[in-house]
C-alpha cells in the first residue's frame, strides 16, 4: 500500500495528525500559511509544499484541518486551492465548520473531479498527540473505506456514520457534550476546593468513579495544576464551535439550556483575555466567581 498523504493546516490538531502519520511510516506532504508551523513540520520529517494545490498534486489523499472558514474556502477552491490541482485525491476534511459551507466545498471539488469526505474528529490536542482521536466519517463510502489506512495512522477509532454532513452533525453533538462536561468538571473541582478538600485527591478519586467523564480525565489535571498553556484546545476556537452548534440547534428548533448555560463560562474567559488559553481555564473563571482562587483560604 502506497503510504503517502497530504495535510493542509498544521495547527494543534493538524500537526499532531502529521506527526503520527510520519511515525506510522507515511510520507506526509504538508502546507500551512504559518512559517513556524511549517518549520516544525519539516523538522519532524514532513515534506513541505508551497500551496494546497501543490499538496494535492503529490498525494492520493489530502487531510484538511483548518480553524477559520475563510481559510477553508481558500484551501478548497481558491486560486491555489485543491480544486485547481490536476490530480484527483480523496480529500478528508476534519474541520468543525457549518455544514452548508462543507456542501459548497463538496460541490466545487466534485466539479473538478474530486471527492470530499466530511470526517471531523473528536478529541483534544493532547489526545491527538497520543493518536487518541475518534473519526466521524461521512460521505462516499468507497472513498471512506479507501482511506482506512490513513485514518488508522492518526486516530484510535474510525466510524462511518452516513451521508455527507452526518460526520459534522455527530461532531456537533460530541462537542455539545464536551462543552458541558468540561464546565461540570471545573465546577466540581471548585466546589471541592471551597469545601476544603485537596483538589488532586478529589481528581484521583472522581476520575475513576461513576461521576467521571472523559473531560474530567483529560482536563482535570490542568484544572488541578492551574496550568492552561500551552493549550490543547483554545478558548477562542472553542467559542467558534459554540456558535456553530448553537446555530445548528436553533435551526432544528431544539432547546439546549444546559449547553447555553455552560457556554457563558467560555465567553467570560474570552472577556478576561484568556482566548489563547486551554478551555480548562473555565475552572479559574469559576474559582474567581466562588472566591476560591489559588490564594484564597478554604472554607472552615
Protein backbone atom coordinates (compact mmCIF):
# COMPACT_ATOMS: atom_id res chain seq x y z
CA UNK A 1 0.00 0.00 0.00
CA UNK A 2 1.34 3.42 -1.00
CA UNK A 3 1.69 5.31 2.28
CA UNK A 4 1.61 8.87 1.02
CA UNK A 5 -0.74 11.53 2.38
CA UNK A 6 -1.07 15.30 2.27
CA UNK A 7 -2.18 17.61 5.05
CA UNK A 8 -3.21 21.26 4.86
CA UNK A 9 -3.39 23.05 8.20
CA UNK A 10 -0.65 22.30 10.71
CA UNK A 11 -2.06 23.82 13.87
CA UNK A 12 -2.55 21.98 17.17
CA UNK A 13 -4.60 19.17 15.63
CA UNK A 14 -3.08 19.05 12.16
CA UNK A 15 0.50 18.93 13.41
CA UNK A 16 -0.36 16.08 15.79
CA UNK A 17 -2.00 14.14 12.97
CA UNK A 18 1.02 14.73 10.74
CA UNK A 19 3.44 13.57 13.43
CA UNK A 20 1.53 10.35 13.99
CA UNK A 21 1.29 9.62 10.28
CA UNK A 22 5.05 10.15 9.93
CA UNK A 23 5.63 7.77 12.86
CA UNK A 24 3.38 5.25 11.11
CA UNK A 25 5.64 5.29 8.05
CA UNK A 26 3.77 7.72 5.81
CA UNK A 27 5.44 10.24 3.54
CA UNK A 28 3.50 13.34 4.61
CA UNK A 29 3.39 16.38 2.34
CA UNK A 30 2.10 19.48 4.11
CA UNK A 31 1.24 23.14 3.88
CA UNK A 32 0.39 25.89 6.35
CA UNK A 33 0.45 29.65 5.98
CA UNK A 34 2.34 29.97 9.27
CA UNK A 35 6.10 29.70 8.77
CA UNK A 36 6.67 28.46 12.32
CA UNK A 37 4.21 25.61 11.77
CA UNK A 38 5.95 24.67 8.53
CA UNK A 39 9.37 24.75 10.17
CA UNK A 40 8.21 22.43 12.95
CA UNK A 41 6.60 20.12 10.39
CA UNK A 42 9.81 19.85 8.35
CA UNK A 43 11.89 19.33 11.49
CA UNK A 44 9.63 16.39 12.34
CA UNK A 45 10.19 14.71 8.97
CA UNK A 46 7.43 16.26 6.87
CA UNK A 47 7.79 17.27 3.23
CA UNK A 48 6.90 20.95 2.60
CA UNK A 49 4.71 22.14 -0.25
CA UNK A 50 4.15 25.77 -1.34
CA UNK A 51 0.33 25.63 -1.59
CA UNK A 52 -2.73 23.41 -1.07
CA UNK A 53 -2.72 22.71 -4.82
CA UNK A 54 0.89 21.51 -4.61
CA UNK A 55 -0.07 19.17 -1.77
CA UNK A 56 -2.93 17.72 -3.83
CA UNK A 57 -0.64 17.37 -6.87
CA UNK A 58 1.62 14.97 -4.98
CA UNK A 59 -0.74 12.84 -2.88
CA UNK A 60 -3.66 10.42 -3.26
CA UNK A 61 -5.26 11.63 -0.01
CA UNK A 62 -5.33 15.13 1.46
CA UNK A 63 -6.37 15.87 5.05
CA UNK A 64 -7.61 19.38 5.79
CA UNK A 65 -7.54 20.68 9.38
CA UNK A 66 -8.48 24.36 9.44
CA UNK A 67 -9.96 26.61 12.10
CA UNK A 68 -11.22 29.53 10.02
CA UNK A 69 -13.97 29.48 7.41
CA UNK A 70 -12.10 31.86 5.12
CA UNK A 71 -9.09 29.55 5.14
CA UNK A 72 -11.31 26.56 4.43
CA UNK A 73 -12.79 28.07 1.27
CA UNK A 74 -9.41 29.34 0.09
CA UNK A 75 -7.89 25.87 0.54
CA UNK A 76 -10.76 24.12 -1.21
CA UNK A 77 -11.49 26.39 -4.15
CA UNK A 78 -9.15 29.40 -4.08
CA UNK A 79 -6.65 30.22 -6.85
CA UNK A 80 -4.08 27.80 -5.37
CA UNK A 81 -6.68 25.55 -3.82
CA UNK A 82 -7.17 21.81 -4.05
CA UNK A 83 -9.86 22.12 -6.75
CA UNK A 84 -7.25 23.57 -9.13
CA UNK A 85 -4.99 20.51 -8.86
CA UNK A 86 -4.64 18.31 -11.94
CA UNK A 87 -4.57 15.31 -9.59
CA UNK A 88 -7.74 13.79 -8.11
CA UNK A 89 -7.05 12.98 -4.46
CA UNK A 90 -9.66 11.95 -1.93
CA UNK A 91 -9.96 14.98 0.34
CA UNK A 92 -10.62 14.24 4.01
CA UNK A 93 -11.94 17.32 5.77
CA UNK A 94 -11.59 17.20 9.56
CA UNK A 95 -12.70 20.76 10.33
CA UNK A 96 -15.60 21.79 12.55
CA UNK A 97 -17.49 24.19 10.30
CA UNK A 98 -21.08 24.83 9.16
CA UNK A 99 -22.45 22.02 7.01
CA UNK A 100 -23.64 24.38 4.26
CA UNK A 101 -20.06 25.56 3.74
CA UNK A 102 -18.85 21.98 3.53
CA UNK A 103 -21.59 21.24 0.99
CA UNK A 104 -20.41 24.17 -1.12
CA UNK A 105 -16.85 22.85 -0.99
CA UNK A 106 -18.01 19.36 -1.91
CA UNK A 107 -19.77 20.73 -4.99
CA UNK A 108 -16.69 22.73 -6.01
CA UNK A 109 -14.43 19.70 -5.69
CA UNK A 110 -16.91 17.41 -7.43
CA UNK A 111 -16.99 19.80 -10.39
CA UNK A 112 -13.19 19.39 -10.51
CA UNK A 113 -13.43 15.58 -10.41
CA UNK A 114 -12.52 15.17 -6.75
CA UNK A 115 -14.25 13.59 -3.75
CA UNK A 116 -14.66 15.40 -0.44
CA UNK A 117 -15.33 13.43 2.74
CA UNK A 118 -16.74 15.07 5.88
CA UNK A 119 -14.75 13.48 8.71
CA UNK A 120 -14.47 15.63 11.85
CA UNK A 121 -12.59 14.22 14.82
CA UNK A 122 -13.42 14.12 18.50
CA UNK A 123 -10.54 14.73 20.90
CA UNK A 124 -8.25 17.40 22.28
CA UNK A 125 -4.83 18.36 21.01
CA UNK A 126 -3.28 16.27 23.77
CA UNK A 127 -5.38 13.30 22.67
CA UNK A 128 -4.40 13.92 19.05
CA UNK A 129 -0.74 13.78 20.05
CA UNK A 130 -1.38 10.34 21.59
CA UNK A 131 -3.33 9.22 18.50
CA UNK A 132 -6.42 9.09 20.73
CA UNK A 133 -8.90 10.56 18.24
CA UNK A 134 -12.34 9.38 17.17
CA UNK A 135 -13.17 9.95 13.48
CA UNK A 136 -16.79 10.59 12.47
CA UNK A 137 -16.70 9.62 8.79
CA UNK A 138 -19.39 10.61 6.30
CA UNK A 139 -19.82 10.85 2.56
CA UNK A 140 -18.82 8.46 -0.22
CA UNK A 141 -18.48 5.05 1.46
CA UNK A 142 -15.99 3.63 -1.04
CA UNK A 143 -13.74 6.66 -0.58
CA UNK A 144 -14.00 6.34 3.21
CA UNK A 145 -13.01 2.68 3.00
CA UNK A 146 -10.10 3.50 0.69
CA UNK A 147 -8.78 5.95 3.30
CA UNK A 148 -8.86 3.49 6.21
CA UNK A 149 -5.09 3.20 6.39
CA UNK A 150 -4.83 6.98 6.63
CA UNK A 151 -7.37 7.12 9.46
CA UNK A 152 -5.61 4.28 11.27
CA UNK A 153 -2.34 6.19 11.12
CA UNK A 154 -3.68 9.18 13.08
CA UNK A 155 -6.66 8.02 15.16
CA UNK A 156 -7.84 5.39 17.63
CA UNK A 157 -11.37 4.80 16.30
CA UNK A 158 -12.90 5.38 12.88
CA UNK A 159 -16.68 5.14 12.41
CA UNK A 160 -18.65 5.61 9.20
CA UNK A 161 -21.84 7.42 10.23
CA UNK A 162 -23.63 8.01 6.91
CA UNK A 163 -24.36 10.63 4.26
CA UNK A 164 -22.11 13.62 3.73
CA UNK A 165 -22.65 16.04 6.60
CA UNK A 166 -23.59 13.43 9.18
CA UNK A 167 -19.99 13.43 10.38
CA UNK A 168 -20.39 17.11 11.24
CA UNK A 169 -23.75 16.50 12.86
CA UNK A 170 -22.14 13.86 15.08
CA UNK A 171 -19.26 16.24 15.89
CA UNK A 172 -21.69 18.99 16.88
CA UNK A 173 -23.37 16.59 19.32
CA UNK A 174 -20.00 15.41 20.65
CA UNK A 175 -18.84 19.00 21.21
CA UNK A 176 -22.17 19.83 22.82
CA UNK A 177 -21.27 17.25 25.48
CA UNK A 178 -17.63 18.35 25.70
CA UNK A 179 -18.80 21.92 26.28
CA UNK A 180 -20.94 20.83 29.24
CA UNK A 181 -18.67 18.17 30.71
CA UNK A 182 -15.65 20.49 30.78
CA UNK A 183 -17.59 23.08 32.80
CA UNK A 184 -19.09 20.37 35.01
CA UNK A 185 -15.61 19.07 35.84
CA UNK A 186 -14.43 22.59 36.67
CA UNK A 187 -17.48 23.29 38.81
CA UNK A 188 -16.99 20.08 40.79
CA UNK A 189 -13.32 20.85 41.47
CA UNK A 190 -14.14 24.39 42.58
CA UNK A 191 -16.84 23.02 44.91
CA UNK A 192 -14.26 20.62 46.34
CA UNK A 193 -11.79 23.47 46.89
CA UNK A 194 -14.46 25.53 48.67
CA UNK A 195 -15.16 22.50 50.87
CA UNK A 196 -11.51 22.37 51.92
CA UNK A 197 -10.74 19.15 50.05
CA UNK A 198 -7.45 18.54 48.27
CA UNK A 199 -8.08 19.03 44.54
CA UNK A 200 -5.56 16.39 43.47
CA UNK A 201 -7.11 13.81 45.77
CA UNK A 202 -10.60 14.69 44.54
CA UNK A 203 -9.47 14.32 40.92
CA UNK A 204 -7.87 10.92 41.56
CA UNK A 205 -10.98 9.60 43.31
CA UNK A 206 -13.55 11.06 40.93
CA UNK A 207 -11.71 10.21 37.70
CA UNK A 208 -12.47 6.52 38.27
CA UNK A 209 -15.92 6.96 39.80
CA UNK A 210 -19.46 6.96 38.44
CA UNK A 211 -19.22 10.75 38.34
CA UNK A 212 -16.28 10.75 35.93
CA UNK A 213 -16.22 11.96 32.34
CA UNK A 214 -13.60 12.00 29.60
CA UNK A 215 -13.26 15.75 30.11
CA UNK A 216 -12.57 15.30 33.83
CA UNK A 217 -9.95 12.69 32.95
CA UNK A 218 -8.30 14.79 30.23
CA UNK A 219 -8.63 18.33 31.61
CA UNK A 220 -8.88 17.63 35.33
CA UNK A 221 -5.07 17.58 35.73
CA UNK A 222 -4.82 21.03 34.08
CA UNK A 223 -7.51 22.37 36.41
CA UNK A 224 -5.83 20.91 39.49
CA UNK A 225 -2.46 22.37 38.48
CA UNK A 226 -3.90 25.67 37.29
CA UNK A 227 -1.83 25.32 34.12
CA UNK A 228 -3.58 26.38 30.92
CA UNK A 229 -0.71 26.88 28.48
CA UNK A 230 0.19 25.53 26.03
CA UNK A 231 -3.44 24.85 25.12
CA UNK A 232 -4.81 21.52 23.93
CA UNK A 233 -7.91 23.40 22.70
CA UNK A 234 -8.06 27.20 22.70
CA UNK A 235 -10.95 29.11 24.25
CA UNK A 236 -11.37 31.36 21.21
CA UNK A 237 -11.56 28.41 18.81
CA UNK A 238 -13.99 26.59 21.08
CA UNK A 239 -16.24 29.65 21.04
CA UNK A 240 -16.29 29.37 17.25
CA UNK A 241 -17.64 25.83 17.73
CA UNK A 242 -20.19 27.06 20.28
CA UNK A 243 -21.62 29.43 17.70
CA UNK A 244 -21.86 26.70 15.07
CA UNK A 245 -23.58 24.28 17.46
CA UNK A 246 -25.99 26.92 18.75
CA UNK A 247 -26.99 27.82 15.19
CA UNK A 248 -27.36 24.12 14.31
CA UNK A 249 -29.67 23.51 17.29
CA UNK A 250 -31.68 26.68 16.62
CA UNK A 251 -32.21 25.61 13.02
CA UNK A 252 -33.76 22.39 14.31
CA UNK A 253 -35.87 24.21 16.89
CA UNK A 254 -34.17 22.18 19.63
CA UNK A 255 -33.68 23.77 23.08
CA UNK A 256 -30.22 23.36 24.63
CA UNK A 257 -30.50 25.06 28.04
CA UNK A 258 -27.58 23.27 29.72
CA UNK A 259 -25.29 23.86 26.74
CA UNK A 260 -26.28 27.54 26.67
CA UNK A 261 -25.61 27.99 30.38
CA UNK A 262 -22.22 26.24 30.20
CA UNK A 263 -21.22 28.37 27.20
CA UNK A 264 -21.27 31.56 29.26
CA UNK A 265 -18.14 30.48 31.16
CA UNK A 266 -16.14 30.36 27.90
CA UNK A 267 -17.35 33.82 26.93
CA UNK A 268 -16.33 35.04 30.38
CA UNK A 269 -12.86 33.55 29.86
CA UNK A 270 -12.61 35.29 26.49
CA UNK A 271 -13.69 38.58 28.07
CA UNK A 272 -10.87 38.19 30.60
CA UNK A 273 -8.32 37.94 27.81
CA UNK A 274 -7.94 34.15 28.05
CA UNK A 275 -8.81 33.34 24.45
CA UNK A 276 -5.45 31.71 23.69
CA UNK A 277 -5.51 29.54 26.81
CA UNK A 278 -6.83 25.99 27.19
CA UNK A 279 -10.57 25.62 27.67
CA UNK A 280 -9.84 24.09 31.07
CA UNK A 281 -9.35 27.70 32.22
CA UNK A 282 -13.10 27.87 32.88
CA UNK A 283 -12.05 26.38 36.22
CA UNK A 284 -10.20 29.60 37.07
CA UNK A 285 -13.21 31.66 35.96
CA UNK A 286 -15.38 29.70 38.40
CA UNK A 287 -12.77 29.95 41.15
CA UNK A 288 -12.89 33.72 40.86
CA UNK A 289 -16.69 33.71 40.99
CA UNK A 290 -16.64 31.47 44.07
CA UNK A 291 -13.89 33.34 45.87
CA UNK A 292 -11.86 30.14 45.71
CA UNK A 293 -8.81 31.41 43.86
CA UNK A 294 -5.42 29.82 44.38
CA UNK A 295 -4.56 32.31 47.12
CA UNK A 296 -7.91 32.09 48.87
CA UNK A 297 -8.36 30.35 52.19
CA UNK A 298 -10.60 27.26 52.10
CA UNK A 299 -13.87 27.29 54.00
CA UNK A 300 -13.59 26.12 57.60
